[in-house]
Amino acid sequence: MKFTRREFAKLTAMAGAGLMIPWDLQRKLLAQIPGGTLAPGDVKKYTLPLVKPPAMPGKSNKNKDKYKIAVRQFEQRILSPPHPVTPVW
């Protein structure tokens, strides 16, 4: 397998960057997700209706739209039952 100089430089840069990450941080980055993962066959497809959000109310002022946006956490059913609801921001 032949590498160009550019590909070799990219490969060595990525390897060097990987070595710069502390070992304890690497273990945290590669750790399993809390709660585990689901097998794709465990979730039934197309059983829940698609949620269509309403139009966002805003104010117009001299050809400029103004919106007030807040970020909140709420729970929404994303996976089909019997899976629990999912916290969403």
PDB file of N, CA and C in Angstrom:
ATOM      1  N   MET A   1       0.848  -1.179   0.000  1.00  0.00           N
ATOM      2  CA  MET A   1       0.000   0.000   0.000  1.00  0.00           C
ATOM      3  C   MET A   1       0.889   1.237   0.000  1.00  0.00           C
ATOM      4  N   LYS A   2       0.666   2.119  -0.945  1.00  0.00           N
ATOM      5  CA  LYS A   2       1.483   3.317  -1.056  1.00  0.00           C
ATOM      6  C   LYS A   2       0.747   4.519  -0.483  1.00  0.00           C
ATOM      7  N   PHE A   3       1.502   5.395   0.166  1.00  0.00           N
ATOM      8  CA  PHE A   3       0.964   6.629   0.717  1.00  0.00           C
ATOM      9  C   PHE A   3       1.607   7.810   0.001  1.00  0.00           C
ATOM     10  N   THR A   4       0.820   8.840  -0.186  1.00  0.00           N
ATOM     11  CA  THR A   4       1.417  10.090  -0.645  1.00  0.00           C
ATOM     12  C   THR A   4       2.002  10.790   0.572  1.00  0.00           C
ATOM     13  N   ARG A   5       2.808  11.780   0.356  1.00  0.00           N
ATOM     14  CA  ARG A   5       3.376  12.531   1.483  1.00  0.00           C
ATOM     15  C   ARG A   5       2.279  13.172   2.318  1.00  0.00           C
ATOM     16  N   ARG A   6       1.250  13.666   1.650  1.00  0.00           N
ATOM     17  CA  ARG A   6       0.140  14.302   2.366  1.00  0.00           C
ATOM     18  C   ARG A   6      -0.597  13.292   3.246  1.00  0.00           C
ATOM     19  N   GLU A   7      -0.888  12.097   2.706  1.00  0.00           N
ATOM     20  CA  GLU A   7      -1.565  11.065   3.494  1.00  0.00           C
ATOM     21  C   GLU A   7      -0.698  10.616   4.669  1.00  0.00           C
ATOM     22  N   PHE A   8       0.610  10.488   4.438  1.00  0.00           N
ATOM     23  CA  PHE A   8       1.522  10.104   5.519  1.00  0.00           C
ATOM     24  C   PHE A   8       1.543  11.160   6.612  1.00  0.00           C
ATOM     25  N   ALA A   9       1.551  12.435   6.221  1.00  0.00           N
ATOM     26  CA  ALA A   9       1.556  13.520   7.206  1.00  0.00           C
ATOM     27  C   ALA A   9       0.264  13.518   8.016  1.00  0.00           C
ATOM     28  N   LYS A  10      -0.866  13.290   7.361  1.00  0.00           N
ATOM     29  CA  LYS A  10      -2.148  13.232   8.077  1.00  0.00           C
ATOM     30  C   LYS A  10      -2.161  12.063   9.059  1.00  0.00           C
ATOM     31  N   LEU A  11      -1.685  10.906   8.601  1.00  0.00           N
ATOM     32  CA  LEU A  11      -1.688   9.721   9.447  1.00  0.00           C
ATOM     33  C   LEU A  11      -0.801   9.904  10.674  1.00  0.00           C
ATOM     34  N   THR A  12       0.380  10.447  10.491  1.00  0.00           N
ATOM     35  CA  THR A  12       1.269  10.644  11.631  1.00  0.00           C
ATOM     36  C   THR A  12       0.746  11.735  12.565  1.00  0.00           C
ATOM     37  N   ALA A  13       0.100  12.747  12.020  1.00  0.00           N
ATOM     38  CA  ALA A  13      -0.485  13.790  12.866  1.00  0.00           C
ATOM     39  C   ALA A  13      -1.602  13.224  13.730  1.00  0.00           C
ATOM     40  N   MET A  14      -2.460  12.380  13.141  1.00  0.00           N
ATOM     41  CA  MET A  14      -3.543  11.779  13.920  1.00  0.00           C
ATOM     42  C   MET A  14      -3.002  10.834  14.989  1.00  0.00           C
ATOM     43  N   ALA A  15      -1.982  10.052  14.634  1.00  0.00           N
ATOM     44  CA  ALA A  15      -1.395   9.140  15.613  1.00  0.00           C
ATOM     45  C   ALA A  15      -0.744   9.930  16.748  1.00  0.00           C
ATOM     46  N   GLY A  16      -0.052  11.001  16.419  1.00  0.00           N
ATOM     47  CA  GLY A  16       0.571  11.827  17.449  1.00  0.00           C
ATOM     48  C   GLY A  16      -0.455  12.485  18.348  1.00  0.00           C
ATOM     49  N   ALA A  17      -1.559  12.943  17.759  1.00  0.00           N
ATOM     50  CA  ALA A  17      -2.616  13.562  18.565  1.00  0.00           C
ATOM     51  C   ALA A  17      -3.238  12.534  19.500  1.00  0.00           C
ATOM     52  N   GLY A  18      -3.398  11.304  19.016  1.00  0.00           N
ATOM     53  CA  GLY A  18      -3.948  10.247  19.865  1.00  0.00           C
ATOM     54  C   GLY A  18      -3.051   9.934  21.048  1.00  0.00           C
ATOM     55  N   LEU A  19      -1.745  10.021  20.841  1.00  0.00           N
ATOM     56  CA  LEU A  19      -0.815   9.755  21.936  1.00  0.00           C
ATOM     57  C   LEU A  19      -0.779  10.888  22.951  1.00  0.00           C
ATOM     58  N   MET A  20      -1.212  12.074  22.546  1.00  0.00           N
ATOM     59  CA  MET A  20      -1.188  13.225  23.448  1.00  0.00           C
ATOM     60  C   MET A  20      -2.352  13.203  24.439  1.00  0.00           C
ATOM     61  N   ILE A  21      -3.409  12.439  24.143  1.00  0.00           N
ATOM     62  CA  ILE A  21      -4.567  12.370  25.034  1.00  0.00           C
ATOM     63  C   ILE A  21      -4.189  11.515  26.238  1.00  0.00           C
ATOM     64  N   PRO A  22      -4.390  12.011  27.460  1.00  0.00           N
ATOM     65  CA  PRO A  22      -4.051  11.231  28.658  1.00  0.00           C
ATOM     66  C   PRO A  22      -4.831   9.919  28.696  1.00  0.00           C
ATOM     67  N   TRP A  23      -4.202   8.892  29.266  1.00  0.00           N
ATOM     68  CA  TRP A  23      -4.794   7.555  29.267  1.00  0.00           C
ATOM     69  C   TRP A  23      -6.138   7.504  29.988  1.00  0.00           C
ATOM     70  N   ASP A  24      -6.283   8.187  31.119  1.00  0.00           N
ATOM     71  CA  ASP A  24      -7.554   8.154  31.848  1.00  0.00           C
ATOM     72  C   ASP A  24      -8.667   8.810  31.040  1.00  0.00           C
ATOM     73  N   LEU A  25      -8.340   9.846  30.258  1.00  0.00           N
ATOM     74  CA  LEU A  25      -9.346  10.478  29.403  1.00  0.00           C
ATOM     75  C   LEU A  25      -9.716   9.552  28.249  1.00  0.00           C
ATOM     76  N   GLN A  26      -8.755   8.813  27.725  1.00  0.00           N
ATOM     77  CA  GLN A  26      -9.057   7.866  26.650  1.00  0.00           C
ATOM     78  C   GLN A  26     -10.027   6.806  27.146  1.00  0.00           C
ATOM     79  N   ARG A  27      -9.821   6.333  28.376  1.00  0.00           N
ATOM     80  CA  ARG A  27     -10.735   5.315  28.907  1.00  0.00           C
ATOM     81  C   ARG A  27     -12.133   5.886  29.075  1.00  0.00           C
ATOM     82  N   LYS A  28     -12.248   7.144  29.490  1.00  0.00           N
ATOM     83  CA  LYS A  28     -13.568   7.762  29.648  1.00  0.00           C
ATOM     84  C   LYS A  28     -14.245   7.945  28.301  1.00  0.00           C
ATOM     85  N   LEU A  29     -13.476   8.330  27.284  1.00  0.00           N
ATOM     86  CA  LEU A  29     -14.051   8.542  25.961  1.00  0.00           C
ATOM     87  C   LEU A  29     -14.520   7.244  25.324  1.00  0.00           C
ATOM     88  N   LEU A  30     -13.839   6.144  25.636  1.00  0.00           N
ATOM     89  CA  LEU A  30     -14.170   4.862  25.034  1.00  0.00           C
ATOM     90  C   LEU A  30     -15.049   3.995  25.930  1.00  0.00           C
ATOM     91  N   ALA A  31     -15.515   4.530  27.056  1.00  0.00           N
ATOM     92  CA  ALA A  31     -16.334   3.761  27.991  1.00  0.00           C
ATOM     93  C   ALA A  31     -17.721   3.504  27.403  1.00  0.00           C
ATOM     94  N   GLN A  32     -18.373   2.469  27.929  1.00  0.00           N
ATOM     95  CA  GLN A  32     -19.718   2.156  27.482  1.00  0.00           C
ATOM     96  C   GLN A  32     -20.698   3.247  27.902  1.00  0.00           C
ATOM     97  N   ILE A  33     -21.769   3.365  27.163  1.00  0.00           N
ATOM     98  CA  ILE A  33     -22.819   4.328  27.475  1.00  0.00           C
ATOM     99  C   ILE A  33     -23.583   3.834  28.699  1.00  0.00           C
ATOM    100  N   PRO A  34     -23.829   4.714  29.699  1.00  0.00           N
ATOM    101  CA  PRO A  34     -24.607   4.282  30.861  1.00  0.00           C
ATOM    102  C   PRO A  34     -26.003   3.837  30.429  1.00  0.00           C
ATOM    103  N   GLY A  35     -26.445   2.717  30.926  1.00  0.00           N
ATOM    104  CA  GLY A  35     -27.755   2.197  30.568  1.00  0.00           C
ATOM    105  C   GLY A  35     -27.702   1.230  29.407  1.00  0.00           C
ATOM    106  N   GLY A  36     -26.567   1.132  28.723  1.00  0.00           N
ATOM    107  CA  GLY A  36     -26.437   0.187  27.619  1.00  0.00           C
ATOM    108  C   GLY A  36     -27.013   0.722  26.323  1.00  0.00           C
ATOM    109  N   THR A  37     -27.020  -0.127  25.334  1.00  0.00           N
ATOM    110  CA  THR A  37     -27.559   0.229  24.023  1.00  0.00           C
ATOM    111  C   THR A  37     -28.637  -0.764  23.630  1.00  0.00           C
ATOM    112  N   LEU A  38     -29.432  -0.407  22.649  1.00  0.00           N
ATOM    113  CA  LEU A  38     -30.503  -1.270  22.171  1.00  0.00           C
ATOM    114  C   LEU A  38     -30.102  -1.932  20.868  1.00  0.00           C
ATOM    115  N   ALA A  39     -30.528  -3.159  20.703  1.00  0.00           N
ATOM    116  CA  ALA A  39     -30.351  -3.825  19.420  1.00  0.00           C
ATOM    117  C   ALA A  39     -31.357  -3.216  18.437  1.00  0.00           C
ATOM    118  N   PRO A  40     -30.989  -3.023  17.179  1.00  0.00           N
ATOM    119  CA  PRO A  40     -31.901  -2.388  16.223  1.00  0.00           C
ATOM    120  C   PRO A  40     -33.236  -3.111  16.077  1.00  0.00           C
ATOM    121  N   GLY A  41     -33.240  -4.424  16.232  1.00  0.00           N
ATOM    122  CA  GLY A  41     -34.492  -5.167  16.085  1.00  0.00           C
ATOM    123  C   GLY A  41     -35.434  -5.022  17.261  1.00  0.00           C
ATOM    124  N   ASP A  42     -34.967  -4.465  18.380  1.00  0.00           N
ATOM    125  CA  ASP A  42     -35.811  -4.310  19.567  1.00  0.00           C
ATOM    126  C   ASP A  42     -36.763  -3.119  19.473  1.00  0.00           C
ATOM    127  N   VAL A  43     -36.522  -2.206  18.544  1.00  0.00           N
ATOM    128  CA  VAL A  43     -37.352  -1.010  18.419  1.00  0.00           C
ATOM    129  C   VAL A  43     -38.220  -1.147  17.172  1.00  0.00           C
ATOM    130  N   LYS A  44     -39.539  -1.111  17.364  1.00  0.00           N
ATOM    131  CA  LYS A  44     -40.459  -1.205  16.225  1.00  0.00           C
ATOM    132  C   LYS A  44     -40.443   0.113  15.463  1.00  0.00           C
ATOM    133  N   LYS A  45     -40.371   0.025  14.149  1.00  0.00           N
ATOM    134  CA  LYS A  45     -40.304   1.226  13.313  1.00  0.00           C
ATOM    135  C   LYS A  45     -41.696   1.723  12.947  1.00  0.00           C
ATOM    136  N   TYR A  46     -41.808   3.025  12.799  1.00  0.00           N
ATOM    137  CA  TYR A  46     -42.989   3.696  12.257  1.00  0.00           C
ATOM    138  C   TYR A  46     -44.266   3.404  13.033  1.00  0.00           C
ATOM    139  N   THR A  47     -44.164   3.273  14.358  1.00  0.00           N
ATOM    140  CA  THR A  47     -45.357   3.035  15.162  1.00  0.00           C
ATOM    141  C   THR A  47     -45.894   4.317  15.783  1.00  0.00           C
ATOM    142  N   LEU A  48     -45.045   5.324  15.950  1.00  0.00           N
ATOM    143  CA  LEU A  48     -45.472   6.587  16.544  1.00  0.00           C
ATOM    144  C   LEU A  48     -45.645   7.633  15.451  1.00  0.00           C
ATOM    145  N   PRO A  49     -46.651   8.497  15.577  1.00  0.00           N
ATOM    146  CA  PRO A  49     -46.826   9.549  14.566  1.00  0.00           C
ATOM    147  C   PRO A  49     -45.688  10.566  14.644  1.00  0.00           C
ATOM    148  N   LEU A  50     -45.358  11.138  13.511  1.00  0.00           N
ATOM    149  CA  LEU A  50     -44.324  12.150  13.453  1.00  0.00           C
ATOM    150  C   LEU A  50     -44.828  13.430  14.103  1.00  0.00           C
ATOM    151  N   VAL A  51     -44.054  13.983  15.024  1.00  0.00           N
ATOM    152  CA  VAL A  51     -44.444  15.199  15.731  1.00  0.00           C
ATOM    153  C   VAL A  51     -44.084  16.396  14.854  1.00  0.00           C
ATOM    154  N   LYS A  52     -45.086  17.195  14.523  1.00  0.00           N
ATOM    155  CA  LYS A  52     -44.862  18.387  13.712  1.00  0.00           C
ATOM    156  C   LYS A  52     -44.996  19.600  14.626  1.00  0.00           C
ATOM    157  N   PRO A  53     -43.894  20.285  14.907  1.00  0.00           N
ATOM    158  CA  PRO A  53     -43.980  21.428  15.817  1.00  0.00           C
ATOM    159  C   PRO A  53     -44.750  22.578  15.177  1.00  0.00           C
ATOM    160  N   PRO A  54     -45.415  23.377  16.006  1.00  0.00           N
ATOM    161  CA  PRO A  54     -46.150  24.523  15.452  1.00  0.00           C
ATOM    162  C   PRO A  54     -45.186  25.603  14.981  1.00  0.00           C
ATOM    163  N   ALA A  55     -45.703  26.539  14.184  1.00  0.00           N
ATOM    164  CA  ALA A  55     -44.884  27.664  13.723  1.00  0.00           C
ATOM    165  C   ALA A  55     -44.472  28.501  14.927  1.00  0.00           C
ATOM    166  N   MET A  56     -43.261  28.999  14.890  1.00  0.00           N
ATOM    167  CA  MET A  56     -42.745  29.774  16.009  1.00  0.00           C
ATOM    168  C   MET A  56     -43.273  31.199  15.946  1.00  0.00           C
ATOM    169  N   PRO A  57     -43.915  31.662  17.019  1.00  0.00           N
ATOM    170  CA  PRO A  57     -44.411  33.029  17.002  1.00  0.00           C
ATOM    171  C   PRO A  57     -43.261  34.029  17.129  1.00  0.00           C
ATOM    172  N   GLY A  58     -43.320  35.065  16.364  1.00  0.00           N
ATOM    173  CA  GLY A  58     -42.271  36.068  16.423  1.00  0.00           C
ATOM    174  C   GLY A  58     -42.841  37.453  16.175  1.00  0.00           C
ATOM    175  N   LYS A  59     -42.002  38.439  16.305  1.00  0.00           N
ATOM    176  CA  LYS A  59     -42.410  39.821  16.061  1.00  0.00           C
ATOM    177  C   LYS A  59     -41.585  40.369  14.910  1.00  0.00           C
ATOM    178  N   SER A  60     -42.211  41.150  14.056  1.00  0.00           N
ATOM    179  CA  SER A  60     -41.481  41.783  12.962  1.00  0.00           C
ATOM    180  C   SER A  60     -41.284  43.250  13.284  1.00  0.00           C
ATOM    181  N   ASN A  61     -40.085  43.743  13.019  1.00  0.00           N
ATOM    182  CA  ASN A  61     -39.778  45.135  13.264  1.00  0.00           C
ATOM    183  C   ASN A  61     -38.837  45.610  12.162  1.00  0.00           C
ATOM    184  N   LYS A  62     -39.345  46.418  11.253  1.00  0.00           N
ATOM    185  CA  LYS A  62     -38.537  46.963  10.163  1.00  0.00           C
ATOM    186  C   LYS A  62     -37.818  45.869   9.381  1.00  0.00           C
ATOM    187  N   ASN A  63     -38.587  44.904   8.886  1.00  0.00           N
ATOM    188  CA  ASN A  63     -38.078  43.800   8.067  1.00  0.00           C
ATOM    189  C   ASN A  63     -37.114  42.871   8.812  1.00  0.00           C
ATOM    190  N   LYS A  64     -37.139  42.904  10.136  1.00  0.00           N
ATOM    191  CA  LYS A  64     -36.326  41.986  10.928  1.00  0.00           C
ATOM    192  C   LYS A  64     -37.252  41.208  11.852  1.00  0.00           C
ATOM    193  N   ASP A  65     -37.098  39.894  11.851  1.00  0.00           N
ATOM    194  CA  ASP A  65     -37.886  39.053  12.743  1.00  0.00           C
ATOM    195  C   ASP A  65     -37.161  38.910  14.076  1.00  0.00           C
ATOM    196  N   LYS A  66     -37.916  38.979  15.162  1.00  0.00           N
ATOM    197  CA  LYS A  66     -37.352  38.813  16.498  1.00  0.00           C
ATOM    198  C   LYS A  66     -38.040  37.629  17.167  1.00  0.00           C
ATOM    199  N   TYR A  67     -37.226  36.777  17.752  1.00  0.00           N
ATOM    200  CA  TYR A  67     -37.734  35.603  18.439  1.00  0.00           C
ATOM    201  C   TYR A  67     -37.121  35.532  19.823  1.00  0.00           C
ATOM    202  N   LYS A  68     -37.883  35.045  20.777  1.00  0.00           N
ATOM    203  CA  LYS A  68     -37.368  34.728  22.103  1.00  0.00           C
ATOM    204  C   LYS A  68     -37.320  33.217  22.198  1.00  0.00           C
ATOM    205  N   ILE A  69     -36.118  32.692  22.385  1.00  0.00           N
ATOM    206  CA  ILE A  69     -35.926  31.249  22.406  1.00  0.00           C
ATOM    207  C   ILE A  69     -35.418  30.850  23.778  1.00  0.00           C
ATOM    208  N   ALA A  70     -36.047  29.843  24.363  1.00  0.00           N
ATOM    209  CA  ALA A  70     -35.622  29.319  25.651  1.00  0.00           C
ATOM    210  C   ALA A  70     -35.270  27.847  25.479  1.00  0.00           C
ATOM    211  N   VAL A  71     -34.348  27.387  26.260  1.00  0.00           N
ATOM    212  CA  VAL A  71     -33.962  25.982  26.232  1.00  0.00           C
ATOM    213  C   VAL A  71     -34.470  25.338  27.510  1.00  0.00           C
ATOM    214  N   ARG A  72     -35.233  24.294  27.339  1.00  0.00           N
ATOM    215  CA  ARG A  72     -35.789  23.584  28.487  1.00  0.00           C
ATOM    216  C   ARG A  72     -35.672  22.082  28.242  1.00  0.00           C
ATOM    217  N   GLN A  73     -35.626  21.351  29.328  1.00  0.00           N
ATOM    218  CA  GLN A  73     -35.623  19.894  29.224  1.00  0.00           C
ATOM    219  C   GLN A  73     -37.048  19.400  29.408  1.00  0.00           C
ATOM    220  N   PHE A  74     -37.455  18.467  28.561  1.00  0.00           N
ATOM    221  CA  PHE A  74     -38.764  17.836  28.694  1.00  0.00           C
ATOM    222  C   PHE A  74     -38.631  16.388  28.265  1.00  0.00           C
ATOM    223  N   GLU A  75     -39.663  15.611  28.472  1.00  0.00           N
ATOM    224  CA  GLU A  75     -39.631  14.202  28.105  1.00  0.00           C
ATOM    225  C   GLU A  75     -40.567  13.982  26.930  1.00  0.00           C
ATOM    226  N   GLN A  76     -40.107  13.186  25.972  1.00  0.00           N
ATOM    227  CA  GLN A  76     -40.884  12.907  24.771  1.00  0.00           C
ATOM    228  C   GLN A  76     -40.721  11.438  24.426  1.00  0.00           C
ATOM    229  N   ARG A  77     -41.778  10.847  23.935  1.00  0.00           N
ATOM    230  CA  ARG A  77     -41.699   9.450  23.515  1.00  0.00           C
ATOM    231  C   ARG A  77     -41.105   9.408  22.112  1.00  0.00           C
ATOM    232  N   ILE A  78     -39.874   8.931  22.024  1.00  0.00           N
ATOM    233  CA  ILE A  78     -39.192   8.804  20.745  1.00  0.00           C
ATOM    234  C   ILE A  78     -39.167   7.345  20.303  1.00  0.00           C
ATOM    235  N   LEU A  79     -38.913   6.455  21.258  1.00  0.00           N
ATOM    236  CA  LEU A  79     -38.902   5.024  20.963  1.00  0.00           C
ATOM    237  C   LEU A  79     -40.283   4.445  21.199  1.00  0.00           C
ATOM    238  N   SER A  80     -40.615   3.405  20.455  1.00  0.00           N
ATOM    239  CA  SER A  80     -41.928   2.777  20.588  1.00  0.00           C
ATOM    240  C   SER A  80     -42.056   2.102  21.956  1.00  0.00           C
ATOM    241  N   PRO A  81     -43.293   2.018  22.479  1.00  0.00           N
ATOM    242  CA  PRO A  81     -43.491   1.301  23.738  1.00  0.00           C
ATOM    243  C   PRO A  81     -43.017  -0.140  23.567  1.00  0.00           C
ATOM    244  N   PRO A  82     -42.493  -0.764  24.553  1.00  0.00           N
ATOM    245  CA  PRO A  82     -42.468  -0.509  25.986  1.00  0.00           C
ATOM    246  C   PRO A  82     -41.249   0.276  26.451  1.00  0.00           C
ATOM    247  N   HIS A  83     -40.497   0.892  25.568  1.00  0.00           N
ATOM    248  CA  HIS A  83     -39.313   1.650  25.965  1.00  0.00           C
ATOM    249  C   HIS A  83     -39.725   2.928  26.673  1.00  0.00           C
ATOM    250  N   PRO A  84     -38.903   3.401  27.621  1.00  0.00           N
ATOM    251  CA  PRO A  84     -39.276   4.600  28.378  1.00  0.00           C
ATOM    252  C   PRO A  84     -39.191   5.876  27.526  1.00  0.00           C
ATOM    253  N   VAL A  85     -39.780   6.944  28.045  1.00  0.00           N
ATOM    254  CA  VAL A  85     -39.693   8.230  27.368  1.00  0.00           C
ATOM    255  C   VAL A  85     -38.259   8.741  27.461  1.00  0.00           C
ATOM    256  N   THR A  86     -37.911   9.645  26.553  1.00  0.00           N
ATOM    257  CA  THR A  86     -36.534  10.129  26.442  1.00  0.00           C
ATOM    258  C   THR A  86     -36.466  11.589  26.863  1.00  0.00           C
ATOM    259  N   PRO A  87     -35.507  11.956  27.741  1.00  0.00           N
ATOM    260  CA  PRO A  87     -35.325  13.388  28.045  1.00  0.00           C
ATOM    261  C   PRO A  87     -34.747  14.102  26.825  1.00  0.00           C
ATOM    262  N   VAL A  88     -35.341  15.235  26.479  1.00  0.00           N
ATOM    263  CA  VAL A  88     -34.954  15.983  25.291  1.00  0.00           C
ATOM    264  C   VAL A  88     -34.754  17.442  25.701  1.00  0.00           C
ATOM    265  N   TRP A  89     -33.788  18.112  25.071  1.00  0.00           N
ATOM    266  CA  TRP A  89     -33.582  19.543  25.293  1.00  0.00           C
ATOM    267  C   TRP A  89     -34.131  20.287  24.107  1.00  0.00           C
TER     268      TRP A  89
END
